Amino acid sequence: MSDSDFDVPAGIDVLRVFCGPDGRHGNALGVVRDGRTYPDEASRQELARRLGFSETVFVDDPERGHVDIYTPGLRLPFAGHPLVGTAWLLDLEILELPVGEIFARQDGEFTWITARPEWAPPRKLERYASVAEVEALTGPPPGEGWLYVWAWEDEAAGRVRARAFPRRDDGITEDEATGAAALLLSAELGRALNITQGRGSQLLTAPAPDGTVEIGGRVMLAVSG
């Protein structure tokens, strides 16, 4: 789940978010249940770097859902898979972030959050002509900046094949499942999507008339802290 050989300290749960229908794959997420154990931005950034997951969440107030999100290289005001995972783990209906309140709900095996496209960090969304072209990539295409490549698997059914490449030199070559990018693509296309990303992760989206988009997926507990 991580390129790091750093052992996960006690008090940190490791989840897999946006797992496939068979329960496999998903994007690894570290959740520090008691954010007070890492009281400042420097200590949080260092832990996120050492863990090596695409994101690590620090829970500052579990009752109010106040959380703080880090990649191995920077702090994020919003991210999709950390919020879906944390909502599932703590059974939260509201999460508080710098961008505002994020509403969450459970629906059978899926956990959903509602977010606005403008909250997501910028991503370049690049459509490929075929699923085969997306799957043929052996690494990030040349260029700079966060890239999300996608192709229609079945346009009528809203089925998409996608892969994501942060291209930010923080040790994450490819992101296995990216809620923020799925949010942006769903908003751009104006329709619900069923996305297969990475090795086999599944993300569902559903845009609403008010401009928000729901993002949903399965969450599994990999390591209990």
C-alpha atoms as a PDB file:
ATOM      1  CA  MET A   1       0.000   0.000   0.000  1.00  0.00           C
ATOM      2  CA  SER A   2       2.982   2.297   0.498  1.00  0.00           C
ATOM      3  CA  ASP A   3       6.431   2.526  -1.012  1.00  0.00           C
ATOM      4  CA  SER A   4       7.758   3.335   2.462  1.00  0.00           C
ATOM      5  CA  ASP A   5       9.297   0.743   4.786  1.00  0.00           C
ATOM      6  CA  PHE A   6       8.250   2.902   7.754  1.00  0.00           C
ATOM      7  CA  ASP A   7       6.147   0.915  10.228  1.00  0.00           C
ATOM      8  CA  VAL A   8       2.715   2.373  10.896  1.00  0.00           C
ATOM      9  CA  PRO A   9       2.692   3.700  14.483  1.00  0.00           C
ATOM     10  CA  ALA A  10       0.008   2.747  17.007  1.00  0.00           C
ATOM     11  CA  GLY A  11      -3.131   4.867  16.861  1.00  0.00           C
ATOM     12  CA  ILE A  12      -3.226   4.998  13.069  1.00  0.00           C
ATOM     13  CA  ASP A  13      -5.803   3.077  11.054  1.00  0.00           C
ATOM     14  CA  VAL A  14      -5.022   2.171   7.461  1.00  0.00           C
ATOM     15  CA  LEU A  15      -7.980   1.969   5.085  1.00  0.00           C
ATOM     16  CA  ARG A  16      -8.458   1.113   1.441  1.00  0.00           C
ATOM     17  CA  VAL A  17     -10.933   3.503  -0.166  1.00  0.00           C
ATOM     18  CA  PHE A  18     -12.852   3.005  -3.437  1.00  0.00           C
ATOM     19  CA  CYS A  19     -12.310  -0.755  -3.468  1.00  0.00           C
ATOM     20  CA  GLY A  20     -13.524  -2.780  -6.439  1.00  0.00           C
ATOM     21  CA  PRO A  21     -16.622  -5.009  -6.354  1.00  0.00           C
ATOM     22  CA  ASP A  22     -14.440  -7.917  -5.197  1.00  0.00           C
ATOM     23  CA  GLY A  23     -13.122  -5.878  -2.247  1.00  0.00           C
ATOM     24  CA  ARG A  24      -9.656  -5.561  -3.744  1.00  0.00           C
ATOM     25  CA  HIS A  25      -7.601  -2.529  -4.713  1.00  0.00           C
ATOM     26  CA  GLY A  26      -8.680   0.891  -3.452  1.00  0.00           C
ATOM     27  CA  ASN A  27      -6.409   3.742  -2.417  1.00  0.00           C
ATOM     28  CA  ALA A  28      -4.529   3.412   0.873  1.00  0.00           C
ATOM     29  CA  LEU A  29      -5.333   6.019   3.525  1.00  0.00           C
ATOM     30  CA  GLY A  30      -3.814   6.628   6.926  1.00  0.00           C
ATOM     31  CA  VAL A  31      -6.173   7.992   9.600  1.00  0.00           C
ATOM     32  CA  VAL A  32      -4.736   9.407  12.833  1.00  0.00           C
ATOM     33  CA  ARG A  33      -7.715   9.176  15.179  1.00  0.00           C
ATOM     34  CA  ASP A  34      -6.249  11.596  17.754  1.00  0.00           C
ATOM     35  CA  GLY A  35      -4.739  14.548  15.937  1.00  0.00           C
ATOM     36  CA  ARG A  36      -3.271  15.887  19.179  1.00  0.00           C
ATOM     37  CA  THR A  37      -0.489  13.293  18.912  1.00  0.00           C
ATOM     38  CA  TYR A  38       0.823  15.312  15.948  1.00  0.00           C
ATOM     39  CA  PRO A  39       0.047  18.852  17.114  1.00  0.00           C
ATOM     40  CA  ASP A  40       1.518  21.018  14.355  1.00  0.00           C
ATOM     41  CA  GLU A  41       1.764  21.169  10.594  1.00  0.00           C
ATOM     42  CA  ALA A  42       5.448  20.179  10.535  1.00  0.00           C
ATOM     43  CA  SER A  43       4.930  16.955  12.514  1.00  0.00           C
ATOM     44  CA  ARG A  44       1.902  16.045  10.419  1.00  0.00           C
ATOM     45  CA  GLN A  45       3.716  16.641   7.164  1.00  0.00           C
ATOM     46  CA  GLU A  46       6.649  14.536   8.353  1.00  0.00           C
ATOM     47  CA  LEU A  47       4.372  11.621   9.309  1.00  0.00           C
ATOM     48  CA  ALA A  48       2.552  11.792   5.965  1.00  0.00           C
ATOM     49  CA  ARG A  49       5.907  11.742   4.185  1.00  0.00           C
ATOM     50  CA  ARG A  50       7.172   8.777   6.186  1.00  0.00           C
ATOM     51  CA  LEU A  51       3.956   6.773   5.775  1.00  0.00           C
ATOM     52  CA  GLY A  52       4.054   7.348   2.028  1.00  0.00           C
ATOM     53  CA  PHE A  53       0.309   6.969   1.407  1.00  0.00           C
ATOM     54  CA  SER A  54      -1.225   9.285  -1.171  1.00  0.00           C
ATOM     55  CA  GLU A  55      -3.031  10.953   1.759  1.00  0.00           C
ATOM     56  CA  THR A  56      -3.053  10.852   5.551  1.00  0.00           C
ATOM     57  CA  VAL A  57      -5.875  12.334   7.648  1.00  0.00           C
ATOM     58  CA  PHE A  58      -5.544  13.802  11.148  1.00  0.00           C
ATOM     59  CA  VAL A  59      -8.795  13.874  13.143  1.00  0.00           C
ATOM     60  CA  ASP A  60      -8.867  17.005  15.303  1.00  0.00           C
ATOM     61  CA  ASP A  61     -12.454  16.673  16.536  1.00  0.00           C
ATOM     62  CA  PRO A  62     -14.204  13.341  15.898  1.00  0.00           C
ATOM     63  CA  GLU A  63     -17.599  14.597  17.061  1.00  0.00           C
ATOM     64  CA  ARG A  64     -17.633  17.649  14.793  1.00  0.00           C
ATOM     65  CA  GLY A  65     -15.778  15.846  12.013  1.00  0.00           C
ATOM     66  CA  HIS A  66     -12.938  18.365  11.949  1.00  0.00           C
ATOM     67  CA  VAL A  67     -10.100  16.818   9.905  1.00  0.00           C
ATOM     68  CA  ASP A  68      -6.779  17.854   8.362  1.00  0.00           C
ATOM     69  CA  ILE A  69      -5.444  16.212   5.154  1.00  0.00           C
ATOM     70  CA  TYR A  70      -1.843  15.781   3.964  1.00  0.00           C
ATOM     71  CA  THR A  71      -0.113  14.188   0.989  1.00  0.00           C
ATOM     72  CA  PRO A  72       3.570  13.212   1.425  1.00  0.00           C
ATOM     73  CA  GLY A  73       4.470  16.707   0.229  1.00  0.00           C
ATOM     74  CA  LEU A  74       1.688  19.169   1.044  1.00  0.00           C
ATOM     75  CA  ARG A  75      -1.441  19.974   2.995  1.00  0.00           C
ATOM     76  CA  LEU A  76      -4.774  19.829   1.131  1.00  0.00           C
ATOM     77  CA  PRO A  77      -7.932  21.874   1.769  1.00  0.00           C
ATOM     78  CA  PHE A  78     -10.033  19.089   0.207  1.00  0.00           C
ATOM     79  CA  ALA A  79      -9.581  15.557  -1.136  1.00  0.00           C
ATOM     80  CA  GLY A  80     -12.072  12.858  -2.043  1.00  0.00           C
ATOM     81  CA  HIS A  81     -10.822   9.487  -0.875  1.00  0.00           C
ATOM     82  CA  PRO A  82      -9.658  10.722   2.583  1.00  0.00           C
ATOM     83  CA  LEU A  83     -13.128  12.101   3.293  1.00  0.00           C
ATOM     84  CA  VAL A  84     -14.992   9.014   2.093  1.00  0.00           C
ATOM     85  CA  GLY A  85     -12.670   6.842   4.201  1.00  0.00           C
ATOM     86  CA  THR A  86     -12.873   8.981   7.335  1.00  0.00           C
ATOM     87  CA  ALA A  87     -16.669   9.289   7.109  1.00  0.00           C
ATOM     88  CA  TRP A  88     -16.894   5.499   6.933  1.00  0.00           C
ATOM     89  CA  LEU A  89     -14.409   4.864   9.758  1.00  0.00           C
ATOM     90  CA  LEU A  90     -15.915   7.344  12.222  1.00  0.00           C
ATOM     91  CA  ASP A  91     -19.528   7.001  11.000  1.00  0.00           C
ATOM     92  CA  LEU A  92     -19.790  10.738  10.420  1.00  0.00           C
ATOM     93  CA  GLU A  93     -22.567  12.651   8.669  1.00  0.00           C
ATOM     94  CA  ILE A  94     -20.640  15.948   8.482  1.00  0.00           C
ATOM     95  CA  LEU A  95     -16.937  16.636   8.029  1.00  0.00           C
ATOM     96  CA  GLU A  96     -15.469  20.088   8.614  1.00  0.00           C
ATOM     97  CA  LEU A  97     -12.725  21.325   6.284  1.00  0.00           C
ATOM     98  CA  PRO A  98     -11.276  24.710   5.310  1.00  0.00           C
ATOM     99  CA  VAL A  99     -13.540  24.711   2.220  1.00  0.00           C
ATOM    100  CA  GLY A 100     -16.696  24.182   4.297  1.00  0.00           C
ATOM    101  CA  GLU A 101     -18.941  21.388   5.546  1.00  0.00           C
ATOM    102  CA  ILE A 102     -18.915  18.084   3.692  1.00  0.00           C
ATOM    103  CA  PHE A 103     -22.048  15.969   4.065  1.00  0.00           C
ATOM    104  CA  ALA A 104     -21.663  12.189   4.141  1.00  0.00           C
ATOM    105  CA  ARG A 105     -24.035   9.231   4.084  1.00  0.00           C
ATOM    106  CA  GLN A 106     -23.952   5.452   4.104  1.00  0.00           C
ATOM    107  CA  ASP A 107     -25.887   3.500   1.488  1.00  0.00           C
ATOM    108  CA  GLY A 108     -25.418  -0.247   1.784  1.00  0.00           C
ATOM    109  CA  GLU A 109     -21.824  -1.078   0.909  1.00  0.00           C
ATOM    110  CA  PHE A 110     -21.115   2.464  -0.332  1.00  0.00           C
ATOM    111  CA  THR A 111     -20.105   5.595   1.555  1.00  0.00           C
ATOM    112  CA  TRP A 112     -20.885   8.906  -0.148  1.00  0.00           C
ATOM    113  CA  ILE A 113     -19.777  12.502   0.317  1.00  0.00           C
ATOM    114  CA  THR A 114     -21.251  15.621  -1.302  1.00  0.00           C
ATOM    115  CA  ALA A 115     -18.809  18.238  -2.574  1.00  0.00           C
ATOM    116  CA  ARG A 116     -18.499  21.180  -4.941  1.00  0.00           C
ATOM    117  CA  PRO A 117     -16.201  21.078  -7.989  1.00  0.00           C
ATOM    118  CA  GLU A 118     -14.578  24.373  -7.027  1.00  0.00           C
ATOM    119  CA  TRP A 119     -13.259  22.757  -3.832  1.00  0.00           C
ATOM    120  CA  ALA A 120     -11.132  20.271  -5.767  1.00  0.00           C
ATOM    121  CA  PRO A 121      -7.495  21.114  -6.541  1.00  0.00           C
ATOM    122  CA  PRO A 122      -6.848  21.757 -10.242  1.00  0.00           C
ATOM    123  CA  ARG A 123      -6.414  18.684 -12.409  1.00  0.00           C
ATOM    124  CA  LYS A 124      -5.884  18.316 -16.131  1.00  0.00           C
ATOM    125  CA  LEU A 125      -8.560  15.958 -17.448  1.00  0.00           C
ATOM    126  CA  GLU A 126      -7.425  14.391 -20.719  1.00  0.00           C
ATOM    127  CA  ARG A 127      -9.708  12.157 -22.739  1.00  0.00           C
ATOM    128  CA  TYR A 128      -8.117   9.240 -24.600  1.00  0.00           C
ATOM    129  CA  ALA A 129      -9.646   7.560 -27.626  1.00  0.00           C
ATOM    130  CA  SER A 130      -9.883   4.090 -26.096  1.00  0.00           C
ATOM    131  CA  VAL A 131      -9.642   2.070 -22.894  1.00  0.00           C
ATOM    132  CA  ALA A 132      -6.664   0.243 -24.407  1.00  0.00           C
ATOM    133  CA  GLU A 133      -4.716   3.508 -24.676  1.00  0.00           C
ATOM    134  CA  VAL A 134      -5.369   4.302 -21.018  1.00  0.00           C
ATOM    135  CA  GLU A 135      -4.335   0.834 -19.912  1.00  0.00           C
ATOM    136  CA  ALA A 136      -1.219   0.817 -22.117  1.00  0.00           C
ATOM    137  CA  LEU A 137       0.447   3.618 -20.143  1.00  0.00           C
ATOM    138  CA  THR A 138       3.486   2.338 -18.255  1.00  0.00           C
ATOM    139  CA  GLY A 139       3.951   5.552 -16.272  1.00  0.00           C
ATOM    140  CA  PRO A 140       3.112   9.248 -16.279  1.00  0.00           C
ATOM    141  CA  PRO A 141       2.986  10.833 -19.744  1.00  0.00           C
ATOM    142  CA  PRO A 142       5.532  13.641 -20.253  1.00  0.00           C
ATOM    143  CA  GLY A 143       4.613  17.018 -18.836  1.00  0.00           C
ATOM    144  CA  GLU A 144       4.014  18.809 -15.574  1.00  0.00           C
ATOM    145  CA  GLY A 145       1.037  19.100 -13.294  1.00  0.00           C
ATOM    146  CA  TRP A 146      -1.624  16.701 -12.027  1.00  0.00           C
ATOM    147  CA  LEU A 147      -2.982  14.585 -14.910  1.00  0.00           C
ATOM    148  CA  TYR A 148      -6.132  12.431 -15.076  1.00  0.00           C
ATOM    149  CA  VAL A 149      -6.485  10.388 -18.255  1.00  0.00           C
ATOM    150  CA  TRP A 150      -9.760   8.715 -19.097  1.00  0.00           C
ATOM    151  CA  ALA A 151     -11.721   7.016 -21.855  1.00  0.00           C
ATOM    152  CA  TRP A 152     -15.275   5.824 -22.285  1.00  0.00           C
ATOM    153  CA  GLU A 153     -15.707   2.145 -21.582  1.00  0.00           C
ATOM    154  CA  ASP A 154     -19.446   2.403 -22.245  1.00  0.00           C
ATOM    155  CA  GLU A 155     -20.601   5.976 -22.833  1.00  0.00           C
ATOM    156  CA  ALA A 156     -24.313   5.154 -22.808  1.00  0.00           C
ATOM    157  CA  ALA A 157     -23.965   3.525 -19.383  1.00  0.00           C
ATOM    158  CA  GLY A 158     -21.608   6.192 -18.016  1.00  0.00           C
ATOM    159  CA  ARG A 159     -18.756   3.704 -17.551  1.00  0.00           C
ATOM    160  CA  VAL A 160     -15.278   5.248 -17.580  1.00  0.00           C
ATOM    161  CA  ARG A 161     -11.737   3.832 -17.441  1.00  0.00           C
ATOM    162  CA  ALA A 162      -9.259   6.214 -15.829  1.00  0.00           C
ATOM    163  CA  ARG A 163      -5.748   6.576 -14.410  1.00  0.00           C
ATOM    164  CA  ALA A 164      -4.209   9.435 -12.449  1.00  0.00           C
ATOM    165  CA  PHE A 165      -0.661  10.782 -12.285  1.00  0.00           C
ATOM    166  CA  PRO A 166       0.174  13.480  -9.696  1.00  0.00           C
ATOM    167  CA  ARG A 167       3.548  14.345 -11.327  1.00  0.00           C
ATOM    168  CA  ARG A 168       4.658  16.268  -8.225  1.00  0.00           C
ATOM    169  CA  ASP A 169       7.855  14.443  -7.138  1.00  0.00           C
ATOM    170  CA  ASP A 170       6.534  13.244  -3.779  1.00  0.00           C
ATOM    171  CA  GLY A 171       6.964   9.501  -4.292  1.00  0.00           C
ATOM    172  CA  ILE A 172       3.417   8.887  -5.573  1.00  0.00           C
ATOM    173  CA  THR A 173       3.903   7.923  -9.228  1.00  0.00           C
ATOM    174  CA  GLU A 174       0.282   6.936  -9.843  1.00  0.00           C
ATOM    175  CA  ASP A 175      -2.773   7.585  -7.693  1.00  0.00           C
ATOM    176  CA  GLU A 176      -4.908   4.460  -7.421  1.00  0.00           C
ATOM    177  CA  ALA A 177      -8.281   6.162  -6.837  1.00  0.00           C
ATOM    178  CA  THR A 178      -8.913   9.903  -6.983  1.00  0.00           C
ATOM    179  CA  GLY A 179     -12.206  11.268  -5.687  1.00  0.00           C
ATOM    180  CA  ALA A 180     -11.457  14.897  -6.550  1.00  0.00           C
ATOM    181  CA  ALA A 181     -10.714  14.048 -10.190  1.00  0.00           C
ATOM    182  CA  ALA A 182     -13.873  11.933 -10.431  1.00  0.00           C
ATOM    183  CA  LEU A 183     -15.805  14.896  -9.023  1.00  0.00           C
ATOM    184  CA  LEU A 184     -14.365  17.259 -11.650  1.00  0.00           C
ATOM    185  CA  LEU A 185     -15.015  14.853 -14.523  1.00  0.00           C
ATOM    186  CA  SER A 186     -18.597  14.229 -13.429  1.00  0.00           C
ATOM    187  CA  ALA A 187     -19.214  17.975 -13.174  1.00  0.00           C
ATOM    188  CA  GLU A 188     -17.632  18.618 -16.582  1.00  0.00           C
ATOM    189  CA  LEU A 189     -19.685  15.904 -18.286  1.00  0.00           C
ATOM    190  CA  GLY A 190     -22.833  16.713 -16.296  1.00  0.00           C
ATOM    191  CA  ARG A 191     -23.738  13.096 -15.636  1.00  0.00           C
ATOM    192  CA  ALA A 192     -23.397  10.220 -13.209  1.00  0.00           C
ATOM    193  CA  LEU A 193     -20.335   8.046 -13.742  1.00  0.00           C
ATOM    194  CA  ASN A 194     -19.121   4.566 -12.830  1.00  0.00           C
ATOM    195  CA  ILE A 195     -15.324   4.852 -12.939  1.00  0.00           C
ATOM    196  CA  THR A 196     -12.750   2.087 -12.876  1.00  0.00           C
ATOM    197  CA  GLN A 197      -9.393   3.613 -11.961  1.00  0.00           C
ATOM    198  CA  GLY A 198      -5.892   2.279 -11.455  1.00  0.00           C
ATOM    199  CA  ARG A 199      -5.615  -1.489 -10.993  1.00  0.00           C
ATOM    200  CA  GLY A 200      -9.342  -1.967 -10.405  1.00  0.00           C
ATOM    201  CA  SER A 201     -10.713   0.599  -7.955  1.00  0.00           C
ATOM    202  CA  GLN A 202     -14.324   1.733  -8.393  1.00  0.00           C
ATOM    203  CA  LEU A 203     -15.687   5.261  -7.909  1.00  0.00           C
ATOM    204  CA  LEU A 204     -19.307   6.302  -8.399  1.00  0.00           C
ATOM    205  CA  THR A 205     -20.470   9.883  -8.964  1.00  0.00           C
ATOM    206  CA  ALA A 206     -23.860  11.590  -9.129  1.00  0.00           C
ATOM    207  CA  PRO A 207     -24.194  15.314  -9.951  1.00  0.00           C
ATOM    208  CA  ALA A 208     -27.086  17.249  -8.407  1.00  0.00           C
ATOM    209  CA  PRO A 209     -29.062  20.240  -9.770  1.00  0.00           C
ATOM    210  CA  ASP A 210     -27.461  22.603  -7.216  1.00  0.00           C
ATOM    211  CA  GLY A 211     -24.002  22.075  -8.727  1.00  0.00           C
ATOM    212  CA  THR A 212     -22.753  19.640  -6.108  1.00  0.00           C
ATOM    213  CA  VAL A 213     -21.567  16.131  -6.909  1.00  0.00           C
ATOM    214  CA  GLU A 214     -21.835  13.017  -4.753  1.00  0.00           C
ATOM    215  CA  ILE A 215     -18.826  10.688  -4.762  1.00  0.00           C
ATOM    216  CA  GLY A 216     -19.237   7.152  -3.475  1.00  0.00           C
ATOM    217  CA  GLY A 217     -17.229   4.006  -2.931  1.00  0.00           C
ATOM    218  CA  ARG A 218     -16.464   0.994  -0.784  1.00  0.00           C
ATOM    219  CA  VAL A 219     -14.091   1.232   2.179  1.00  0.00           C
ATOM    220  CA  MET A 220     -12.169  -1.625   3.815  1.00  0.00           C
ATOM    221  CA  LEU A 221     -10.095  -1.603   7.002  1.00  0.00           C
ATOM    222  CA  ALA A 222      -6.587  -2.861   6.198  1.00  0.00           C
ATOM    223  CA  VAL A 223      -4.796  -2.155   9.494  1.00  0.00           C
ATOM    224  CA  SER A 224      -6.474  -1.261  12.796  1.00  0.00           C
ATOM    225  CA  GLY A 225      -4.531   1.171  14.939  1.00  0.00           C
END
